[in-house]
Amino acid sequence: LRPVWALLAEAGVPVVIHCGSGPAPGKHTGPEPIARVLERHPRLRLIVAHMGMPEYEDFLDLAEQYEEVRLDTTMTFTDFAEELSPFPRRALPRLAALGDRILLGTDFPSIPYRYLHQLHALERLDLGDEWLRAVCHDNAARLFTV
């Protein structure tokens, strides 16, 4: 995929990628393969689905290192995900600091909970109305505005 990654990076096209190793790790999942791609293509606009679950902190590292990396909230912070793969509370300050690069993700309608629960799960993080507004609207609007 090297030529494809290069083309996407050059064009500035945002790409959603399911690269966390949950629920079943594979040869191309986890933070290491993505770190190698980003080393070669640091301007690649990656949107890491599920915030890279379960390697949340490793993907926060990548988002801190590469300014075009975004993390989406699909399933993250919901009761369903917290039971299986809880987000480490020690990482909440990092999440708050990256508030301009976190995007609402839902996987609706293929989710095992009500749609509104995803929004409530984000709200109960208590990171503030500005953070929540950015995550639920402003960040995606800015990213996808042509």
N, C-alpha and C. Protein backbone atom coordinates (compact mmCIF):
# COMPACT_ATOMS: atom_id res chain seq x y z
N LEU A 1 0.80 -1.22 0.00
CA LEU A 1 0.00 0.00 0.00
C LEU A 1 0.84 1.28 0.00
N ARG A 2 2.15 1.16 0.01
CA ARG A 2 2.99 2.37 0.09
C ARG A 2 2.62 3.45 -0.92
N PRO A 3 2.44 3.10 -2.21
CA PRO A 3 2.08 4.16 -3.16
C PRO A 3 0.71 4.77 -2.85
N VAL A 4 -0.19 3.97 -2.33
CA VAL A 4 -1.52 4.47 -1.99
C VAL A 4 -1.42 5.44 -0.81
N TRP A 5 -0.68 5.05 0.24
CA TRP A 5 -0.49 5.96 1.39
C TRP A 5 0.13 7.27 0.92
N ALA A 6 1.11 7.19 0.05
CA ALA A 6 1.78 8.40 -0.44
C ALA A 6 0.79 9.29 -1.19
N LEU A 7 -0.01 8.70 -2.04
CA LEU A 7 -1.00 9.46 -2.81
C LEU A 7 -2.03 10.11 -1.89
N LEU A 8 -2.51 9.36 -0.90
CA LEU A 8 -3.49 9.90 0.05
C LEU A 8 -2.89 11.04 0.87
N ALA A 9 -1.65 10.88 1.30
CA ALA A 9 -0.99 11.93 2.07
C ALA A 9 -0.82 13.19 1.23
N GLU A 10 -0.39 13.01 0.00
CA GLU A 10 -0.20 14.16 -0.90
C GLU A 10 -1.52 14.88 -1.19
N ALA A 11 -2.58 14.12 -1.36
CA ALA A 11 -3.89 14.70 -1.67
C ALA A 11 -4.59 15.28 -0.44
N GLY A 12 -4.13 14.90 0.75
CA GLY A 12 -4.75 15.39 1.98
C GLY A 12 -6.12 14.78 2.24
N VAL A 13 -6.34 13.58 1.72
CA VAL A 13 -7.62 12.91 1.89
C VAL A 13 -7.67 12.24 3.26
N PRO A 14 -8.68 12.54 4.07
CA PRO A 14 -8.82 11.85 5.36
C PRO A 14 -9.20 10.38 5.15
N VAL A 15 -8.56 9.50 5.90
CA VAL A 15 -8.76 8.06 5.76
C VAL A 15 -9.11 7.48 7.13
N VAL A 16 -10.26 6.83 7.22
CA VAL A 16 -10.62 6.12 8.45
C VAL A 16 -9.95 4.76 8.41
N ILE A 17 -9.30 4.40 9.51
CA ILE A 17 -8.61 3.13 9.56
C ILE A 17 -8.92 2.42 10.88
N HIS A 18 -9.28 1.16 10.77
CA HIS A 18 -9.51 0.31 11.94
C HIS A 18 -8.20 -0.41 12.21
N CYS A 19 -7.41 0.12 13.11
CA CYS A 19 -6.06 -0.41 13.29
C CYS A 19 -5.73 -0.82 14.71
N GLY A 20 -6.62 -0.58 15.65
CA GLY A 20 -6.40 -1.10 16.99
C GLY A 20 -6.44 -2.61 16.95
N SER A 21 -5.82 -3.26 17.90
CA SER A 21 -5.76 -4.72 17.85
C SER A 21 -6.98 -5.40 18.45
N GLY A 22 -7.96 -4.63 18.91
CA GLY A 22 -9.19 -5.24 19.43
C GLY A 22 -10.21 -5.37 18.33
N PRO A 23 -11.05 -6.34 18.34
CA PRO A 23 -11.15 -7.40 19.32
C PRO A 23 -10.20 -8.57 19.07
N ALA A 24 -9.59 -8.64 17.89
CA ALA A 24 -8.66 -9.74 17.60
C ALA A 24 -7.43 -9.17 16.90
N PRO A 25 -6.26 -9.27 17.54
CA PRO A 25 -5.05 -8.72 16.92
C PRO A 25 -4.68 -9.45 15.64
N GLY A 26 -4.03 -8.72 14.76
CA GLY A 26 -3.57 -9.30 13.50
C GLY A 26 -2.21 -8.75 13.14
N LYS A 27 -1.68 -9.23 12.06
CA LYS A 27 -0.35 -8.85 11.58
C LYS A 27 -0.23 -7.34 11.32
N HIS A 28 -1.34 -6.72 10.88
CA HIS A 28 -1.30 -5.31 10.49
C HIS A 28 -2.04 -4.41 11.46
N THR A 29 -2.36 -4.91 12.65
CA THR A 29 -3.08 -4.10 13.63
C THR A 29 -2.17 -3.70 14.78
N GLY A 30 -2.63 -2.74 15.54
CA GLY A 30 -1.85 -2.23 16.66
C GLY A 30 -1.09 -0.98 16.26
N PRO A 31 -0.50 -0.31 17.22
CA PRO A 31 0.16 0.97 16.96
C PRO A 31 1.45 0.87 16.15
N GLU A 32 2.18 -0.25 16.23
CA GLU A 32 3.47 -0.34 15.55
C GLU A 32 3.36 -0.24 14.03
N PRO A 33 2.48 -1.02 13.39
CA PRO A 33 2.39 -0.89 11.92
C PRO A 33 1.96 0.51 11.48
N ILE A 34 1.07 1.13 12.24
CA ILE A 34 0.61 2.47 11.89
C ILE A 34 1.72 3.49 12.11
N ALA A 35 2.51 3.30 13.16
CA ALA A 35 3.65 4.20 13.39
C ALA A 35 4.62 4.14 12.22
N ARG A 36 4.83 2.95 11.68
CA ARG A 36 5.74 2.81 10.53
C ARG A 36 5.18 3.54 9.30
N VAL A 37 3.88 3.43 9.09
CA VAL A 37 3.25 4.14 7.96
C VAL A 37 3.40 5.65 8.16
N LEU A 38 3.16 6.12 9.37
CA LEU A 38 3.25 7.56 9.64
C LEU A 38 4.68 8.07 9.58
N GLU A 39 5.65 7.25 9.90
CA GLU A 39 7.06 7.66 9.76
C GLU A 39 7.37 7.96 8.30
N ARG A 40 6.82 7.16 7.39
CA ARG A 40 7.05 7.36 5.96
C ARG A 40 6.17 8.47 5.39
N HIS A 41 5.00 8.67 6.01
CA HIS A 41 4.02 9.64 5.49
C HIS A 41 3.46 10.48 6.64
N PRO A 42 4.26 11.36 7.21
CA PRO A 42 3.84 12.11 8.40
C PRO A 42 2.67 13.06 8.18
N ARG A 43 2.35 13.40 6.95
CA ARG A 43 1.21 14.29 6.65
C ARG A 43 -0.07 13.53 6.33
N LEU A 44 -0.03 12.21 6.46
CA LEU A 44 -1.19 11.38 6.20
C LEU A 44 -2.30 11.72 7.20
N ARG A 45 -3.48 11.98 6.68
CA ARG A 45 -4.63 12.36 7.52
C ARG A 45 -5.39 11.09 7.92
N LEU A 46 -4.91 10.45 8.97
CA LEU A 46 -5.54 9.23 9.44
C LEU A 46 -6.57 9.53 10.53
N ILE A 47 -7.70 8.86 10.45
CA ILE A 47 -8.71 8.89 11.50
C ILE A 47 -8.74 7.48 12.08
N VAL A 48 -8.22 7.34 13.28
CA VAL A 48 -8.14 6.04 13.93
C VAL A 48 -9.48 5.72 14.58
N ALA A 49 -10.16 4.71 14.03
CA ALA A 49 -11.46 4.30 14.55
C ALA A 49 -11.32 3.72 15.95
N HIS A 50 -12.33 3.95 16.75
CA HIS A 50 -12.40 3.41 18.11
C HIS A 50 -11.24 3.87 18.99
N MET A 51 -10.62 4.98 18.61
CA MET A 51 -9.46 5.54 19.32
C MET A 51 -8.33 4.51 19.46
N GLY A 52 -8.33 3.52 18.55
CA GLY A 52 -7.28 2.51 18.58
C GLY A 52 -7.47 1.45 19.64
N MET A 53 -8.68 1.29 20.12
CA MET A 53 -8.99 0.32 21.17
C MET A 53 -8.32 -1.02 20.90
N PRO A 54 -7.67 -1.62 21.84
CA PRO A 54 -7.50 -1.27 23.24
C PRO A 54 -6.23 -0.48 23.54
N GLU A 55 -5.45 -0.15 22.52
CA GLU A 55 -4.17 0.56 22.75
C GLU A 55 -4.37 2.07 22.75
N TYR A 56 -5.31 2.52 23.56
CA TYR A 56 -5.67 3.94 23.58
C TYR A 56 -4.45 4.85 23.75
N GLU A 57 -3.64 4.57 24.73
CA GLU A 57 -2.52 5.49 25.03
C GLU A 57 -1.47 5.49 23.93
N ASP A 58 -1.25 4.36 23.30
CA ASP A 58 -0.31 4.31 22.18
C ASP A 58 -0.80 5.15 21.01
N PHE A 59 -2.11 5.12 20.76
CA PHE A 59 -2.66 5.93 19.67
C PHE A 59 -2.75 7.40 20.07
N LEU A 60 -2.92 7.70 21.34
CA LEU A 60 -2.79 9.09 21.79
C LEU A 60 -1.37 9.58 21.52
N ASP A 61 -0.38 8.72 21.76
CA ASP A 61 1.02 9.07 21.45
C ASP A 61 1.16 9.47 19.99
N LEU A 62 0.58 8.67 19.09
CA LEU A 62 0.69 8.96 17.67
C LEU A 62 -0.02 10.27 17.31
N ALA A 63 -1.17 10.51 17.92
CA ALA A 63 -1.89 11.76 17.66
C ALA A 63 -1.09 12.96 18.18
N GLU A 64 -0.40 12.78 19.28
CA GLU A 64 0.44 13.88 19.80
C GLU A 64 1.66 14.11 18.91
N GLN A 65 2.16 13.06 18.31
CA GLN A 65 3.36 13.17 17.48
C GLN A 65 3.06 13.65 16.06
N TYR A 66 1.93 13.25 15.51
CA TYR A 66 1.59 13.58 14.12
C TYR A 66 0.33 14.43 14.09
N GLU A 67 0.45 15.66 13.65
CA GLU A 67 -0.66 16.61 13.75
C GLU A 67 -1.84 16.28 12.86
N GLU A 68 -1.69 15.42 11.88
CA GLU A 68 -2.82 15.05 11.01
C GLU A 68 -3.56 13.81 11.48
N VAL A 69 -3.12 13.20 12.57
CA VAL A 69 -3.80 12.02 13.11
C VAL A 69 -4.97 12.47 13.98
N ARG A 70 -6.11 11.87 13.71
CA ARG A 70 -7.31 12.09 14.52
C ARG A 70 -7.75 10.76 15.10
N LEU A 71 -8.51 10.83 16.17
CA LEU A 71 -9.05 9.64 16.82
C LEU A 71 -10.56 9.78 16.86
N ASP A 72 -11.27 8.72 16.47
CA ASP A 72 -12.73 8.81 16.57
C ASP A 72 -13.22 8.02 17.79
N THR A 73 -14.37 8.45 18.27
CA THR A 73 -14.88 7.96 19.55
C THR A 73 -15.80 6.75 19.45
N THR A 74 -15.91 6.15 18.27
CA THR A 74 -16.84 5.05 18.11
C THR A 74 -16.70 4.01 19.22
N MET A 75 -17.76 3.78 19.91
CA MET A 75 -17.89 2.82 21.02
C MET A 75 -17.11 3.21 22.26
N THR A 76 -16.07 4.00 22.10
CA THR A 76 -15.24 4.37 23.23
C THR A 76 -16.06 5.12 24.29
N PHE A 77 -15.80 4.83 25.53
CA PHE A 77 -16.43 5.47 26.70
C PHE A 77 -17.84 4.97 26.98
N THR A 78 -18.43 4.17 26.09
CA THR A 78 -19.76 3.64 26.36
C THR A 78 -19.65 2.53 27.40
N ASP A 79 -20.77 2.21 28.02
CA ASP A 79 -20.77 1.13 29.02
C ASP A 79 -20.28 -0.17 28.39
N PHE A 80 -20.69 -0.42 27.15
CA PHE A 80 -20.29 -1.63 26.44
C PHE A 80 -18.76 -1.72 26.34
N ALA A 81 -18.12 -0.66 25.87
CA ALA A 81 -16.66 -0.67 25.69
C ALA A 81 -15.93 -0.61 27.03
N GLU A 82 -16.46 0.13 27.97
CA GLU A 82 -15.80 0.24 29.27
C GLU A 82 -15.74 -1.10 29.98
N GLU A 83 -16.72 -1.95 29.73
CA GLU A 83 -16.71 -3.27 30.33
C GLU A 83 -15.64 -4.16 29.70
N LEU A 84 -15.48 -4.04 28.39
CA LEU A 84 -14.54 -4.89 27.65
C LEU A 84 -13.12 -4.33 27.61
N SER A 85 -13.02 -3.02 27.40
CA SER A 85 -11.71 -2.39 27.21
C SER A 85 -11.78 -0.95 27.71
N PRO A 86 -11.69 -0.75 29.01
CA PRO A 86 -11.87 0.59 29.57
C PRO A 86 -10.78 1.57 29.15
N PHE A 87 -11.21 2.80 28.90
CA PHE A 87 -10.26 3.87 28.60
C PHE A 87 -9.58 4.24 29.92
N PRO A 88 -8.25 4.33 29.94
CA PRO A 88 -7.56 4.65 31.19
C PRO A 88 -7.82 6.09 31.63
N ARG A 89 -8.37 6.25 32.80
CA ARG A 89 -8.73 7.58 33.30
C ARG A 89 -7.51 8.50 33.43
N ARG A 90 -6.33 7.92 33.62
CA ARG A 90 -5.11 8.74 33.71
C ARG A 90 -4.83 9.47 32.40
N ALA A 91 -5.44 9.00 31.29
CA ALA A 91 -5.21 9.59 29.97
C ALA A 91 -6.23 10.68 29.63
N LEU A 92 -7.18 10.96 30.51
CA LEU A 92 -8.17 12.00 30.22
C LEU A 92 -7.55 13.38 29.97
N PRO A 93 -6.53 13.80 30.72
CA PRO A 93 -5.91 15.10 30.40
C PRO A 93 -5.33 15.14 28.98
N ARG A 94 -4.78 14.04 28.52
CA ARG A 94 -4.26 13.98 27.16
C ARG A 94 -5.39 14.07 26.15
N LEU A 95 -6.49 13.41 26.45
CA LEU A 95 -7.67 13.47 25.59
C LEU A 95 -8.19 14.90 25.51
N ALA A 96 -8.22 15.57 26.63
CA ALA A 96 -8.68 16.96 26.66
C ALA A 96 -7.74 17.84 25.83
N ALA A 97 -6.44 17.63 25.96
CA ALA A 97 -5.46 18.44 25.24
C ALA A 97 -5.54 18.22 23.73
N LEU A 98 -5.97 17.04 23.31
CA LEU A 98 -6.11 16.74 21.89
C LEU A 98 -7.53 17.01 21.39
N GLY A 99 -8.28 17.79 22.11
CA GLY A 99 -9.68 18.04 21.80
C GLY A 99 -9.96 18.53 20.40
N ASP A 100 -8.97 19.13 19.75
CA ASP A 100 -9.18 19.60 18.38
C ASP A 100 -9.01 18.49 17.35
N ARG A 101 -8.62 17.28 17.80
CA ARG A 101 -8.40 16.17 16.86
C ARG A 101 -9.14 14.90 17.25
N ILE A 102 -10.14 15.07 18.09
CA ILE A 102 -11.02 13.95 18.44
C ILE A 102 -12.32 14.16 17.67
N LEU A 103 -12.81 13.09 17.04
CA LEU A 103 -14.01 13.17 16.22
C LEU A 103 -15.08 12.22 16.76
N LEU A 104 -16.32 12.66 16.72
CA LEU A 104 -17.42 11.78 17.07
C LEU A 104 -17.47 10.63 16.07
N GLY A 105 -17.52 9.44 16.60
CA GLY A 105 -17.74 8.25 15.78
C GLY A 105 -18.87 7.47 16.42
N THR A 106 -19.67 6.78 15.61
CA THR A 106 -20.82 6.10 16.19
C THR A 106 -21.00 4.65 15.74
N ASP A 107 -20.64 4.31 14.52
CA ASP A 107 -20.96 3.01 13.92
C ASP A 107 -22.47 2.75 13.88
N PHE A 108 -23.27 3.81 14.01
CA PHE A 108 -24.72 3.66 13.95
C PHE A 108 -25.12 3.16 12.57
N PRO A 109 -25.99 2.20 12.43
CA PRO A 109 -26.82 1.57 13.44
C PRO A 109 -26.26 0.25 13.98
N SER A 110 -25.04 -0.08 13.64
CA SER A 110 -24.47 -1.38 14.04
C SER A 110 -23.80 -1.30 15.40
N ILE A 111 -24.57 -0.95 16.41
CA ILE A 111 -24.03 -0.80 17.76
C ILE A 111 -24.92 -1.54 18.77
N PRO A 112 -24.33 -2.02 19.85
CA PRO A 112 -25.08 -2.79 20.84
C PRO A 112 -25.68 -1.92 21.97
N TYR A 113 -25.95 -0.66 21.68
CA TYR A 113 -26.53 0.26 22.66
C TYR A 113 -27.27 1.32 21.87
N ARG A 114 -28.02 2.15 22.57
CA ARG A 114 -28.76 3.22 21.89
C ARG A 114 -27.81 4.32 21.44
N TYR A 115 -28.11 4.92 20.30
CA TYR A 115 -27.27 5.98 19.72
C TYR A 115 -26.97 7.08 20.73
N LEU A 116 -27.97 7.51 21.45
CA LEU A 116 -27.82 8.60 22.40
C LEU A 116 -26.81 8.27 23.50
N HIS A 117 -26.65 6.99 23.79
CA HIS A 117 -25.70 6.59 24.83
C HIS A 117 -24.27 7.03 24.49
N GLN A 118 -23.89 6.99 23.21
CA GLN A 118 -22.55 7.44 22.81
C GLN A 118 -22.35 8.91 23.20
N LEU A 119 -23.37 9.72 22.97
CA LEU A 119 -23.28 11.14 23.31
C LEU A 119 -23.23 11.35 24.82
N HIS A 120 -24.05 10.61 25.53
CA HIS A 120 -24.03 10.71 27.00
C HIS A 120 -22.67 10.25 27.56
N ALA A 121 -22.10 9.21 26.94
CA ALA A 121 -20.80 8.71 27.39
C ALA A 121 -19.72 9.79 27.23
N LEU A 122 -19.78 10.56 26.15
CA LEU A 122 -18.82 11.66 25.96
C LEU A 122 -19.08 12.78 26.96
N GLU A 123 -20.34 13.09 27.17
CA GLU A 123 -20.70 14.16 28.09
C GLU A 123 -20.25 13.84 29.52
N ARG A 124 -20.38 12.59 29.93
CA ARG A 124 -20.01 12.23 31.30
C ARG A 124 -18.50 12.23 31.55
N LEU A 125 -17.71 12.40 30.49
CA LEU A 125 -16.27 12.58 30.69
C LEU A 125 -15.98 13.90 31.39
N ASP A 126 -16.94 14.82 31.29
CA ASP A 126 -16.86 16.12 31.96
C ASP A 126 -15.64 16.93 31.51
N LEU A 127 -15.41 16.95 30.19
CA LEU A 127 -14.30 17.73 29.63
C LEU A 127 -14.75 19.10 29.14
N GLY A 128 -16.01 19.43 29.38
CA GLY A 128 -16.49 20.77 29.09
C GLY A 128 -17.29 20.86 27.80
N ASP A 129 -18.13 21.88 27.74
CA ASP A 129 -19.00 22.09 26.58
C ASP A 129 -18.20 22.40 25.32
N GLU A 130 -17.14 23.16 25.45
CA GLU A 130 -16.33 23.51 24.27
C GLU A 130 -15.69 22.26 23.66
N TRP A 131 -15.14 21.40 24.51
CA TRP A 131 -14.55 20.14 24.04
C TRP A 131 -15.61 19.29 23.36
N LEU A 132 -16.76 19.17 23.99
CA LEU A 132 -17.84 18.35 23.46
C LEU A 132 -18.34 18.88 22.12
N ARG A 133 -18.49 20.18 22.01
CA ARG A 133 -18.93 20.79 20.75
C ARG A 133 -17.91 20.54 19.64
N ALA A 134 -16.64 20.66 19.98
CA ALA A 134 -15.58 20.41 18.99
C ALA A 134 -15.62 18.96 18.52
N VAL A 135 -15.73 18.04 19.46
CA VAL A 135 -15.73 16.62 19.13
C VAL A 135 -16.97 16.23 18.32
N CYS A 136 -18.11 16.74 18.71
CA CYS A 136 -19.37 16.34 18.07
C CYS A 136 -19.66 17.08 16.76
N HIS A 137 -18.96 18.19 16.50
CA HIS A 137 -19.25 18.92 15.27
C HIS A 137 -18.03 19.61 14.67
N ASP A 138 -17.47 20.55 15.41
CA ASP A 138 -16.50 21.49 14.84
C ASP A 138 -15.29 20.82 14.20
N ASN A 139 -14.74 19.79 14.84
CA ASN A 139 -13.53 19.16 14.31
C ASN A 139 -13.79 18.50 12.95
N ALA A 140 -14.88 17.78 12.84
CA ALA A 140 -15.22 17.14 11.56
C ALA A 140 -15.57 18.18 10.51
N ALA A 141 -16.30 19.21 10.92
CA ALA A 141 -16.65 20.26 9.96
C ALA A 141 -15.39 20.91 9.39
N ARG A 142 -14.41 21.15 10.23
CA ARG A 142 -13.15 21.74 9.79
C ARG A 142 -12.37 20.78 8.90
N LEU A 143 -12.31 19.51 9.28
CA LEU A 143 -11.56 18.50 8.53
C LEU A 143 -12.14 18.27 7.13
N PHE A 144 -13.47 18.25 7.04
CA PHE A 144 -14.11 17.89 5.78
C PHE A 144 -14.60 19.07 4.97
N THR A 145 -14.28 20.29 5.40
CA THR A 145 -14.63 21.46 4.61
C THR A 145 -13.63 21.59 3.47
N VAL A 146 -14.17 21.71 2.28
CA VAL A 146 -13.31 21.79 1.09
C VAL A 146 -13.15 23.24 0.68
